C-alpha atoms as a PDB file:
ATOM      1  CA  UNK A   1      -7.671  -1.325   3.118  1.00  0.00           C
ATOM      2  CA  UNK A   2      -9.975   0.965   5.105  1.00  0.00           C
ATOM      3  CA  UNK A   3      -8.578   2.589   8.261  1.00  0.00           C
ATOM      4  CA  UNK A   4     -10.389   4.769  10.793  1.00  0.00           C
ATOM      5  CA  UNK A   5      -7.820   6.993  12.481  1.00  0.00           C
ATOM      6  CA  UNK A   6      -8.104   6.910  16.267  1.00  0.00           C
ATOM      7  CA  UNK A   7      -6.988  10.250  17.666  1.00  0.00           C
ATOM      8  CA  UNK A   8      -8.581  12.302  20.447  1.00  0.00           C
ATOM      9  CA  UNK A   9      -8.042  15.564  18.542  1.00  0.00           C
ATOM     10  CA  UNK A  10      -9.889  14.150  15.527  1.00  0.00           C
ATOM     11  CA  UNK A  11     -12.849  13.201  17.709  1.00  0.00           C
ATOM     12  CA  UNK A  12     -13.033  16.715  19.164  1.00  0.00           C
ATOM     13  CA  UNK A  13     -12.812  18.520  15.819  1.00  0.00           C
ATOM     14  CA  UNK A  14     -15.247  16.113  14.191  1.00  0.00           C
ATOM     15  CA  UNK A  15     -17.757  16.952  16.928  1.00  0.00           C
ATOM     16  CA  UNK A  16     -17.456  20.637  15.970  1.00  0.00           C
ATOM     17  CA  UNK A  17     -17.996  19.760  12.306  1.00  0.00           C
ATOM     18  CA  UNK A  18     -21.059  17.632  13.045  1.00  0.00           C
ATOM     19  CA  UNK A  19     -22.798  20.348  15.090  1.00  0.00           C
ATOM     20  CA  UNK A  20     -25.358  22.116  12.875  1.00  0.00           C
ATOM     21  CA  UNK A  21     -24.960  25.305  14.945  1.00  0.00           C
ATOM     22  CA  UNK A  22     -21.236  25.641  14.157  1.00  0.00           C
ATOM     23  CA  UNK A  23     -20.730  28.903  12.185  1.00  0.00           C
ATOM     24  CA  UNK A  24     -18.771  28.928   8.918  1.00  0.00           C
ATOM     25  CA  UNK A  25     -15.539  30.449  10.328  1.00  0.00           C
ATOM     26  CA  UNK A  26     -15.348  27.836  13.075  1.00  0.00           C
ATOM     27  CA  UNK A  27     -16.288  25.058  10.630  1.00  0.00           C
ATOM     28  CA  UNK A  28     -13.408  26.064   8.347  1.00  0.00           C
ATOM     29  CA  UNK A  29     -10.987  26.239  11.266  1.00  0.00           C
ATOM     30  CA  UNK A  30     -12.042  22.848  12.632  1.00  0.00           C
ATOM     31  CA  UNK A  31     -11.768  21.216   9.198  1.00  0.00           C
ATOM     32  CA  UNK A  32      -8.283  22.608   8.610  1.00  0.00           C
ATOM     33  CA  UNK A  33      -7.137  21.568  12.079  1.00  0.00           C
ATOM     34  CA  UNK A  34      -8.620  18.103  11.571  1.00  0.00           C
ATOM     35  CA  UNK A  35      -6.812  17.829   8.228  1.00  0.00           C
ATOM     36  CA  UNK A  36      -3.511  18.624   9.931  1.00  0.00           C
ATOM     37  CA  UNK A  37      -4.020  15.804  12.435  1.00  0.00           C
ATOM     38  CA  UNK A  38      -5.041  13.412   9.661  1.00  0.00           C
ATOM     39  CA  UNK A  39      -1.985  14.425   7.634  1.00  0.00           C
ATOM     40  CA  UNK A  40       0.310  13.753  10.583  1.00  0.00           C
ATOM     41  CA  UNK A  41      -1.244  10.333  11.207  1.00  0.00           C
ATOM     42  CA  UNK A  42      -1.239   9.307   7.542  1.00  0.00           C
ATOM     43  CA  UNK A  43       2.293  10.561   6.849  1.00  0.00           C
ATOM     44  CA  UNK A  44       3.532   8.344   9.675  1.00  0.00           C
ATOM     45  CA  UNK A  45       2.642   5.317   7.511  1.00  0.00           C
ATOM     46  CA  UNK A  46       4.793   6.383   4.546  1.00  0.00           C
ATOM     47  CA  UNK A  47       8.249   4.936   3.801  1.00  0.00           C
ATOM     48  CA  UNK A  48      11.404   6.890   4.652  1.00  0.00           C
ATOM     49  CA  UNK A  49      14.850   6.943   3.103  1.00  0.00           C
ATOM     50  CA  UNK A  50      17.951   7.473   5.238  1.00  0.00           C
ATOM     51  CA  UNK A  51      20.623   9.937   4.130  1.00  0.00           C
ATOM     52  CA  UNK A  52      23.732  11.478   5.731  1.00  0.00           C
ATOM     53  CA  UNK A  53      23.515  14.959   7.260  1.00  0.00           C
ATOM     54  CA  UNK A  54      26.138  17.022   9.031  1.00  0.00           C
ATOM     55  CA  UNK A  55      25.278  18.554  12.388  1.00  0.00           C
ATOM     56  CA  UNK A  56      27.457  21.342  13.833  1.00  0.00           C
ATOM     57  CA  UNK A  57      29.384  18.575  15.623  1.00  0.00           C
ATOM     58  CA  UNK A  58      29.454  15.443  13.478  1.00  0.00           C
ATOM     59  CA  UNK A  59      27.989  13.414  10.630  1.00  0.00           C
ATOM     60  CA  UNK A  60      24.744  11.580  11.419  1.00  0.00           C
ATOM     61  CA  UNK A  61      21.776   9.955   9.738  1.00  0.00           C
ATOM     62  CA  UNK A  62      18.718  11.886   8.624  1.00  0.00           C
ATOM     63  CA  UNK A  63      15.436  10.821   7.044  1.00  0.00           C
ATOM     64  CA  UNK A  64      13.151  12.008   4.248  1.00  0.00           C
ATOM     65  CA  UNK A  65      10.128  10.597   2.483  1.00  0.00           C
ATOM     66  CA  UNK A  66      11.022   8.038  -0.149  1.00  0.00           C
ATOM     67  CA  UNK A  67       8.203   9.219  -2.437  1.00  0.00           C
ATOM     68  CA  UNK A  68       7.165  12.513  -3.957  1.00  0.00           C
ATOM     69  CA  UNK A  69       3.536  13.469  -3.493  1.00  0.00           C
ATOM     70  CA  UNK A  70       0.561  14.895  -5.328  1.00  0.00           C
ATOM     71  CA  UNK A  71      -2.386  16.314  -3.390  1.00  0.00           C
ATOM     72  CA  UNK A  72      -5.636  16.005  -5.336  1.00  0.00           C
ATOM     73  CA  UNK A  73      -8.543  17.790  -3.609  1.00  0.00           C
ATOM     74  CA  UNK A  74     -11.923  16.927  -5.127  1.00  0.00           C
ATOM     75  CA  UNK A  75     -13.750  20.231  -5.646  1.00  0.00           C
ATOM     76  CA  UNK A  76     -15.306  21.856  -3.726  1.00  0.00           C
ATOM     77  CA  UNK A  77     -15.103  20.313  -0.294  1.00  0.00           C
ATOM     78  CA  UNK A  78     -11.659  18.805  -0.766  1.00  0.00           C
ATOM     79  CA  UNK A  79     -10.206  22.322  -0.610  1.00  0.00           C
ATOM     80  CA  UNK A  80     -10.929  22.271   3.120  1.00  0.00           C
ATOM     81  CA  UNK A  81      -8.291  19.553   3.581  1.00  0.00           C
ATOM     82  CA  UNK A  82      -5.665  20.973   1.242  1.00  0.00           C
ATOM     83  CA  UNK A  83      -3.857  23.440   3.520  1.00  0.00           C
ATOM     84  CA  UNK A  84      -3.569  21.016   6.413  1.00  0.00           C
ATOM     85  CA  UNK A  85      -1.801  18.464   4.217  1.00  0.00           C
ATOM     86  CA  UNK A  86       0.426  21.099   2.628  1.00  0.00           C
ATOM     87  CA  UNK A  87       1.762  22.006   6.077  1.00  0.00           C
ATOM     88  CA  UNK A  88       3.230  18.517   6.347  1.00  0.00           C
ATOM     89  CA  UNK A  89       3.984  18.000   2.642  1.00  0.00           C
ATOM     90  CA  UNK A  90       4.961  21.527   1.523  1.00  0.00           C
ATOM     91  CA  UNK A  91       6.786  20.295  -1.590  1.00  0.00           C
ATOM     92  CA  UNK A  92       3.777  18.344  -2.855  1.00  0.00           C
ATOM     93  CA  UNK A  93       2.278  19.141  -6.246  1.00  0.00           C
ATOM     94  CA  UNK A  94      -1.408  20.146  -6.056  1.00  0.00           C
ATOM     95  CA  UNK A  95      -3.892  19.004  -8.688  1.00  0.00           C
ATOM     96  CA  UNK A  96      -7.591  19.888  -8.429  1.00  0.00           C
ATOM     97  CA  UNK A  97     -10.295  17.549  -9.709  1.00  0.00           C
ATOM     98  CA  UNK A  98     -13.791  18.893 -10.318  1.00  0.00           C
ATOM     99  CA  UNK A  99     -16.601  16.404  -9.767  1.00  0.00           C
ATOM    100  CA  UNK A 100     -20.192  17.425  -9.006  1.00  0.00           C
ATOM    101  CA  UNK A 101     -23.031  15.170  -7.858  1.00  0.00           C
ATOM    102  CA  UNK A 102     -26.453  15.258  -9.479  1.00  0.00           C
ATOM    103  CA  UNK A 103     -28.923  15.751  -6.623  1.00  0.00           C
ATOM    104  CA  UNK A 104     -31.602  13.719  -8.407  1.00  0.00           C
ATOM    105  CA  UNK A 105     -29.693  10.766  -9.841  1.00  0.00           C
ATOM    106  CA  UNK A 106     -26.849  11.005  -7.260  1.00  0.00           C
ATOM    107  CA  UNK A 107     -24.386  10.253 -10.060  1.00  0.00           C
ATOM    108  CA  UNK A 108     -21.020  12.058 -10.275  1.00  0.00           C
ATOM    109  CA  UNK A 109     -20.212  14.367 -13.180  1.00  0.00           C
ATOM    110  CA  UNK A 110     -16.633  15.286 -14.089  1.00  0.00           C
ATOM    111  CA  UNK A 111     -15.977  18.880 -15.172  1.00  0.00           C
ATOM    112  CA  UNK A 112     -12.325  19.829 -14.509  1.00  0.00           C
ATOM    113  CA  UNK A 113      -8.824  18.614 -13.707  1.00  0.00           C
ATOM    114  CA  UNK A 114      -5.216  19.821 -13.933  1.00  0.00           C
ATOM    115  CA  UNK A 115      -3.145  16.665 -13.612  1.00  0.00           C
ATOM    116  CA  UNK A 116       0.641  16.975 -14.134  1.00  0.00           C
ATOM    117  CA  UNK A 117       2.447  15.034 -16.832  1.00  0.00           C
ATOM    118  CA  UNK A 118       4.717  13.295 -14.290  1.00  0.00           C
ATOM    119  CA  UNK A 119       1.804  11.802 -12.314  1.00  0.00           C
ATOM    120  CA  UNK A 120       3.374   8.342 -12.714  1.00  0.00           C
ATOM    121  CA  UNK A 121       6.263   9.503 -10.502  1.00  0.00           C
ATOM    122  CA  UNK A 122       4.043  10.726  -7.661  1.00  0.00           C
ATOM    123  CA  UNK A 123       2.065   9.216  -4.791  1.00  0.00           C
ATOM    124  CA  UNK A 124      -1.387  10.779  -5.288  1.00  0.00           C
ATOM    125  CA  UNK A 125      -3.345  11.611  -2.141  1.00  0.00           C
ATOM    126  CA  UNK A 126      -6.999  12.232  -3.042  1.00  0.00           C
ATOM    127  CA  UNK A 127      -8.793  14.541  -0.602  1.00  0.00           C
ATOM    128  CA  UNK A 128     -12.577  14.026  -0.558  1.00  0.00           C
ATOM    129  CA  UNK A 129     -14.139  14.749   2.862  1.00  0.00           C
ATOM    130  CA  UNK A 130     -17.419  12.854   2.344  1.00  0.00           C
ATOM    131  CA  UNK A 131     -17.225   9.228   1.182  1.00  0.00           C
ATOM    132  CA  UNK A 132     -20.972   8.735   0.713  1.00  0.00           C
ATOM    133  CA  UNK A 133     -21.816   6.655  -2.369  1.00  0.00           C
ATOM    134  CA  UNK A 134     -18.144   6.556  -3.338  1.00  0.00           C
ATOM    135  CA  UNK A 135     -18.967   7.833  -6.825  1.00  0.00           C
ATOM    136  CA  UNK A 136     -16.992  11.079  -6.788  1.00  0.00           C
ATOM    137  CA  UNK A 137     -13.903   9.544  -5.193  1.00  0.00           C
ATOM    138  CA  UNK A 138     -14.014   6.588  -7.582  1.00  0.00           C
ATOM    139  CA  UNK A 139     -14.262   8.917 -10.572  1.00  0.00           C
ATOM    140  CA  UNK A 140     -11.335  11.021  -9.352  1.00  0.00           C
ATOM    141  CA  UNK A 141      -9.146   7.973  -8.761  1.00  0.00           C
ATOM    142  CA  UNK A 142     -10.131   6.466 -12.133  1.00  0.00           C
ATOM    143  CA  UNK A 143      -9.092   9.707 -13.844  1.00  0.00           C
ATOM    144  CA  UNK A 144      -5.746   9.765 -12.045  1.00  0.00           C
ATOM    145  CA  UNK A 145      -5.084   6.140 -12.987  1.00  0.00           C
ATOM    146  CA  UNK A 146      -5.944   6.843 -16.618  1.00  0.00           C
ATOM    147  CA  UNK A 147      -3.368   9.652 -16.562  1.00  0.00           C
ATOM    148  CA  UNK A 148      -0.717   7.284 -15.226  1.00  0.00           C
ATOM    149  CA  UNK A 149      -0.972   7.255 -11.414  1.00  0.00           C
ATOM    150  CA  UNK A 150       0.106   3.949  -9.891  1.00  0.00           C
ATOM    151  CA  UNK A 151       0.216   4.754  -6.147  1.00  0.00           C
ATOM    152  CA  UNK A 152      -2.853   6.372  -4.589  1.00  0.00           C
ATOM    153  CA  UNK A 153      -4.355   7.038  -1.167  1.00  0.00           C
ATOM    154  CA  UNK A 154      -7.872   8.320  -0.421  1.00  0.00           C
ATOM    155  CA  UNK A 155      -8.538  10.600   2.553  1.00  0.00           C
ATOM    156  CA  UNK A 156     -12.080  11.214   3.803  1.00  0.00           C
ATOM    157  CA  UNK A 157     -13.388  12.821   6.973  1.00  0.00           C
ATOM    158  CA  UNK A 158     -16.618  10.844   7.250  1.00  0.00           C
ATOM    159  CA  UNK A 159     -17.412   7.617   5.387  1.00  0.00           C
ATOM    160  CA  UNK A 160     -20.558   5.541   4.921  1.00  0.00           C
ATOM    161  CA  UNK A 161     -20.354   1.735   4.726  1.00  0.00           C
ATOM    162  CA  UNK A 162     -21.963   1.853   1.277  1.00  0.00           C
ATOM    163  CA  UNK A 163     -19.299   4.235  -0.002  1.00  0.00           C
ATOM    164  CA  UNK A 164     -16.439   2.230   1.460  1.00  0.00           C
ATOM    165  CA  UNK A 165     -17.783  -0.954  -0.133  1.00  0.00           C
ATOM    166  CA  UNK A 166     -18.351   0.635  -3.554  1.00  0.00           C
ATOM    167  CA  UNK A 167     -14.990   2.400  -3.650  1.00  0.00           C
ATOM    168  CA  UNK A 168     -13.075  -0.652  -2.430  1.00  0.00           C
ATOM    169  CA  UNK A 169     -14.750  -2.804  -5.087  1.00  0.00           C
ATOM    170  CA  UNK A 170     -13.740  -0.335  -7.803  1.00  0.00           C
ATOM    171  CA  UNK A 171     -10.230   0.343  -6.480  1.00  0.00           C
ATOM    172  CA  UNK A 172      -9.061  -2.466  -4.167  1.00  0.00           C
ATOM    173  CA  UNK A 173      -5.462  -1.266  -4.523  1.00  0.00           C
ATOM    174  CA  UNK A 174      -6.142   2.150  -2.910  1.00  0.00           C
ATOM    175  CA  UNK A 175      -5.881   2.596   0.865  1.00  0.00           C
ATOM    176  CA  UNK A 176      -8.646   4.667   2.490  1.00  0.00           C
ATOM    177  CA  UNK A 177      -8.140   6.723   5.650  1.00  0.00           C
ATOM    178  CA  UNK A 178     -11.083   8.330   7.450  1.00  0.00           C
ATOM    179  CA  UNK A 179     -11.815  10.068  10.743  1.00  0.00           C
ATOM    180  CA  UNK A 180     -15.103   8.176  11.169  1.00  0.00           C
ATOM    181  CA  UNK A 181     -17.202   5.354   9.740  1.00  0.00           C
ATOM    182  CA  UNK A 182     -20.815   6.445  10.078  1.00  0.00           C
ATOM    183  CA  UNK A 183     -23.991   4.352  10.128  1.00  0.00           C
ATOM    184  CA  UNK A 184     -25.568   4.552   6.660  1.00  0.00           C
ATOM    185  CA  UNK A 185     -26.854   6.700   3.801  1.00  0.00           C
ATOM    186  CA  UNK A 186     -30.365   8.154   3.807  1.00  0.00           C
ATOM    187  CA  UNK A 187     -32.721   8.148   0.808  1.00  0.00           C
ATOM    188  CA  UNK A 188     -30.998  11.260  -0.571  1.00  0.00           C
ATOM    189  CA  UNK A 189     -27.554   9.624  -0.268  1.00  0.00           C
ATOM    190  CA  UNK A 190     -26.417  11.808   2.630  1.00  0.00           C
ATOM    191  CA  UNK A 191     -24.314  10.217   5.353  1.00  0.00           C
ATOM    192  CA  UNK A 192     -26.015   9.558   8.715  1.00  0.00           C
ATOM    193  CA  UNK A 193     -25.295  10.960  11.237  1.00  0.00           C
ATOM    194  CA  UNK A 194     -22.786  12.790   9.022  1.00  0.00           C
ATOM    195  CA  UNK A 195     -22.208  16.524   9.068  1.00  0.00           C
ATOM    196  CA  UNK A 196     -24.371  17.770   6.220  1.00  0.00           C
ATOM    197  CA  UNK A 197     -22.943  19.018   2.921  1.00  0.00           C
ATOM    198  CA  UNK A 198     -19.288  19.791   3.662  1.00  0.00           C
ATOM    199  CA  UNK A 199     -18.907  22.079   0.643  1.00  0.00           C
ATOM    200  CA  UNK A 200     -22.009  24.118   1.489  1.00  0.00           C
ATOM    201  CA  UNK A 201     -20.980  24.473   5.122  1.00  0.00           C
ATOM    202  CA  UNK A 202     -17.409  25.341   4.197  1.00  0.00           C
ATOM    203  CA  UNK A 203     -18.250  28.051   1.663  1.00  0.00           C
ATOM    204  CA  UNK A 204     -21.791  29.081   2.635  1.00  0.00           C
ATOM    205  CA  UNK A 205     -23.308  28.343  -0.782  1.00  0.00           C
END
């Protein structure tokens, strides 16, 4: 299932990210703030368990997440979403997945991962800001599944229809959350209107 989150704060921060004149420090700040809002919205869909807690006055009912979580930022750009999600899921395990895209063939190439042995016990949240062709996200999710992941969620900032279709065909069991569904990909497989290369704008390289 593909869901575009409808939140006024997301729209404002996404406008900052889209603006080509936004300097790197402000781009980083806007992306982290946007990730916090996305984390809050997405966490509200997760299942809770009730448990007894004692207030200073009496016993009452408290709540905690039923699942344990793994955050899996896809390098490099996924790092821009990591801290925002950790603020809401501070006990989450963090596993980085390195996937680069060939600028000529537009195909993803895997080069690194550090996936924990207990991945089968965790709900893996894959952080990949740009869902363009869907290749990098699909590769990351495929790797996590091969290592034993059974519950996964994909988080993107901006998605293209082509990427949503390709990813959903490859992984129909994975829910996708995004801040925007853009118009299309151009001939170089960049999202239009998009926000450029998120990794380059985030790190200046």
